[in-house]
Amino acid sequence: MLIGTALVRRLLAAQFPHWARLPVVPVPRSGMDNATFRLGGTLSVRLPRDAHWAGQVAR
């Protein structure tokens, strides 16, 4: 599955609608195990690239 800004926006709209209108910008070097996006000026979104790495997000 491709993890991009469209997916992040859909997840925000469904789970955190109060943040859904904030700008979403991909971080250029996210890492191999996760995709990272800036959310507005102070927040970030980390999504695992594979189910194997989902536990790392919780940490």
N, C-alpha and C. Protein backbone atom coordinates (compact mmCIF):
# COMPACT_ATOMS: atom_id res chain seq x y z
N MET A 1 0.84 -1.17 0.00
CA MET A 1 0.00 0.00 0.00
C MET A 1 0.89 1.24 0.00
N LEU A 2 0.52 2.18 -0.81
CA LEU A 2 1.24 3.45 -0.87
C LEU A 2 0.77 4.35 0.27
N ILE A 3 1.71 4.80 1.06
CA ILE A 3 1.39 5.72 2.16
C ILE A 3 1.71 7.13 1.68
N GLY A 4 0.69 7.92 1.49
CA GLY A 4 0.87 9.28 1.03
C GLY A 4 -0.05 10.24 1.77
N THR A 5 -0.03 11.48 1.36
CA THR A 5 -0.83 12.49 2.04
C THR A 5 -2.33 12.19 1.95
N ALA A 6 -2.78 11.59 0.86
CA ALA A 6 -4.21 11.27 0.72
C ALA A 6 -4.64 10.27 1.80
N LEU A 7 -3.82 9.26 2.05
CA LEU A 7 -4.13 8.29 3.09
C LEU A 7 -4.14 8.95 4.46
N VAL A 8 -3.14 9.78 4.73
CA VAL A 8 -3.08 10.48 6.02
C VAL A 8 -4.33 11.33 6.21
N ARG A 9 -4.75 12.03 5.17
CA ARG A 9 -5.94 12.88 5.27
C ARG A 9 -7.20 12.05 5.54
N ARG A 10 -7.33 10.89 4.89
CA ARG A 10 -8.49 10.02 5.13
C ARG A 10 -8.49 9.51 6.57
N LEU A 11 -7.34 9.09 7.07
CA LEU A 11 -7.25 8.59 8.44
C LEU A 11 -7.57 9.70 9.45
N LEU A 12 -7.05 10.89 9.20
CA LEU A 12 -7.34 12.01 10.10
C LEU A 12 -8.83 12.34 10.11
N ALA A 13 -9.43 12.36 8.93
CA ALA A 13 -10.86 12.68 8.84
C ALA A 13 -11.70 11.66 9.61
N ALA A 14 -11.30 10.40 9.56
CA ALA A 14 -12.05 9.34 10.23
C ALA A 14 -11.78 9.27 11.73
N GLN A 15 -10.53 9.51 12.14
CA GLN A 15 -10.15 9.27 13.53
C GLN A 15 -9.93 10.54 14.35
N PHE A 16 -9.49 11.60 13.70
CA PHE A 16 -9.18 12.85 14.40
C PHE A 16 -9.70 14.03 13.58
N PRO A 17 -11.01 14.15 13.44
CA PRO A 17 -11.55 15.20 12.56
C PRO A 17 -11.15 16.61 12.97
N HIS A 18 -10.83 16.83 14.24
CA HIS A 18 -10.43 18.17 14.68
C HIS A 18 -9.05 18.56 14.13
N TRP A 19 -8.28 17.60 13.63
CA TRP A 19 -6.98 17.89 13.02
C TRP A 19 -7.00 17.75 11.50
N ALA A 20 -8.13 17.37 10.95
CA ALA A 20 -8.20 17.03 9.52
C ALA A 20 -7.89 18.20 8.59
N ARG A 21 -8.04 19.41 9.05
CA ARG A 21 -7.80 20.57 8.18
C ARG A 21 -6.37 21.12 8.27
N LEU A 22 -5.57 20.54 9.15
CA LEU A 22 -4.18 20.99 9.25
C LEU A 22 -3.38 20.55 8.02
N PRO A 23 -2.37 21.32 7.64
CA PRO A 23 -1.53 20.92 6.51
C PRO A 23 -0.79 19.60 6.81
N VAL A 24 -0.70 18.75 5.80
CA VAL A 24 0.02 17.48 5.88
C VAL A 24 1.17 17.54 4.89
N VAL A 25 2.41 17.40 5.40
CA VAL A 25 3.59 17.49 4.55
C VAL A 25 4.50 16.29 4.83
N PRO A 26 4.84 15.51 3.80
CA PRO A 26 5.73 14.37 4.04
C PRO A 26 7.11 14.82 4.49
N VAL A 27 7.71 14.05 5.40
CA VAL A 27 9.09 14.28 5.82
C VAL A 27 9.97 13.59 4.78
N PRO A 28 10.94 14.31 4.22
CA PRO A 28 11.73 13.73 3.12
C PRO A 28 12.42 12.40 3.46
N ARG A 29 12.95 12.27 4.65
CA ARG A 29 13.65 11.03 5.02
C ARG A 29 12.91 10.38 6.19
N SER A 30 11.87 9.64 5.88
CA SER A 30 11.02 9.05 6.91
C SER A 30 11.63 7.85 7.58
N GLY A 31 12.40 7.07 6.89
CA GLY A 31 12.93 5.83 7.43
C GLY A 31 12.37 4.63 6.70
N MET A 32 13.01 3.49 6.92
CA MET A 32 12.58 2.28 6.23
C MET A 32 11.35 1.65 6.87
N ASP A 33 11.18 1.81 8.17
CA ASP A 33 10.10 1.12 8.85
C ASP A 33 8.83 1.96 9.01
N ASN A 34 8.91 3.26 8.78
CA ASN A 34 7.72 4.09 8.92
C ASN A 34 7.74 5.25 7.94
N ALA A 35 6.56 5.78 7.68
CA ALA A 35 6.40 7.00 6.90
C ALA A 35 6.00 8.09 7.88
N THR A 36 6.67 9.23 7.80
CA THR A 36 6.41 10.32 8.74
C THR A 36 5.95 11.55 7.98
N PHE A 37 4.97 12.22 8.54
CA PHE A 37 4.40 13.43 7.95
C PHE A 37 4.31 14.49 9.02
N ARG A 38 4.56 15.73 8.66
CA ARG A 38 4.32 16.86 9.55
C ARG A 38 2.84 17.18 9.47
N LEU A 39 2.25 17.46 10.61
CA LEU A 39 0.84 17.81 10.68
C LEU A 39 0.75 19.17 11.35
N GLY A 40 0.48 20.18 10.55
CA GLY A 40 0.50 21.54 11.06
C GLY A 40 1.91 21.92 11.46
N GLY A 41 2.04 22.84 12.41
CA GLY A 41 3.36 23.32 12.80
C GLY A 41 4.01 22.57 13.94
N THR A 42 3.24 21.76 14.69
CA THR A 42 3.81 21.15 15.89
C THR A 42 3.58 19.65 16.03
N LEU A 43 2.79 19.05 15.16
CA LEU A 43 2.45 17.63 15.28
C LEU A 43 3.10 16.82 14.16
N SER A 44 3.11 15.50 14.36
CA SER A 44 3.58 14.62 13.29
C SER A 44 2.73 13.35 13.29
N VAL A 45 2.75 12.67 12.15
CA VAL A 45 2.04 11.41 11.96
C VAL A 45 3.06 10.37 11.53
N ARG A 46 3.09 9.25 12.23
CA ARG A 46 3.98 8.13 11.87
C ARG A 46 3.11 6.93 11.54
N LEU A 47 3.31 6.37 10.35
CA LEU A 47 2.57 5.19 9.94
C LEU A 47 3.55 4.09 9.57
N PRO A 48 3.35 2.89 10.12
CA PRO A 48 4.27 1.79 9.78
C PRO A 48 4.11 1.39 8.31
N ARG A 49 5.22 1.11 7.66
CA ARG A 49 5.19 0.68 6.26
C ARG A 49 4.77 -0.78 6.12
N ASP A 50 4.86 -1.54 7.21
CA ASP A 50 4.51 -2.96 7.20
C ASP A 50 3.93 -3.30 8.57
N ALA A 51 3.03 -4.27 8.62
CA ALA A 51 2.41 -4.67 9.89
C ALA A 51 3.47 -5.12 10.91
N HIS A 52 4.58 -5.66 10.42
CA HIS A 52 5.67 -6.12 11.29
C HIS A 52 6.18 -4.99 12.19
N TRP A 53 6.13 -3.74 11.72
CA TRP A 53 6.67 -2.61 12.46
C TRP A 53 5.62 -1.79 13.22
N ALA A 54 4.40 -2.27 13.27
CA ALA A 54 3.32 -1.51 13.93
C ALA A 54 3.62 -1.26 15.40
N GLY A 55 4.28 -2.18 16.08
CA GLY A 55 4.60 -2.01 17.50
C GLY A 55 5.52 -0.84 17.77
N GLN A 56 6.35 -0.48 16.81
CA GLN A 56 7.29 0.62 16.99
C GLN A 56 6.57 1.96 17.09
N VAL A 57 5.44 2.09 16.46
CA VAL A 57 4.70 3.35 16.49
C VAL A 57 4.21 3.63 17.90
N ALA A 58 3.77 2.59 18.59
CA ALA A 58 3.28 2.76 19.96
C ALA A 58 4.38 3.21 20.91
N ARG A 59 5.61 2.80 20.64
CA ARG A 59 6.73 3.21 21.50
C ARG A 59 7.05 4.64 21.24
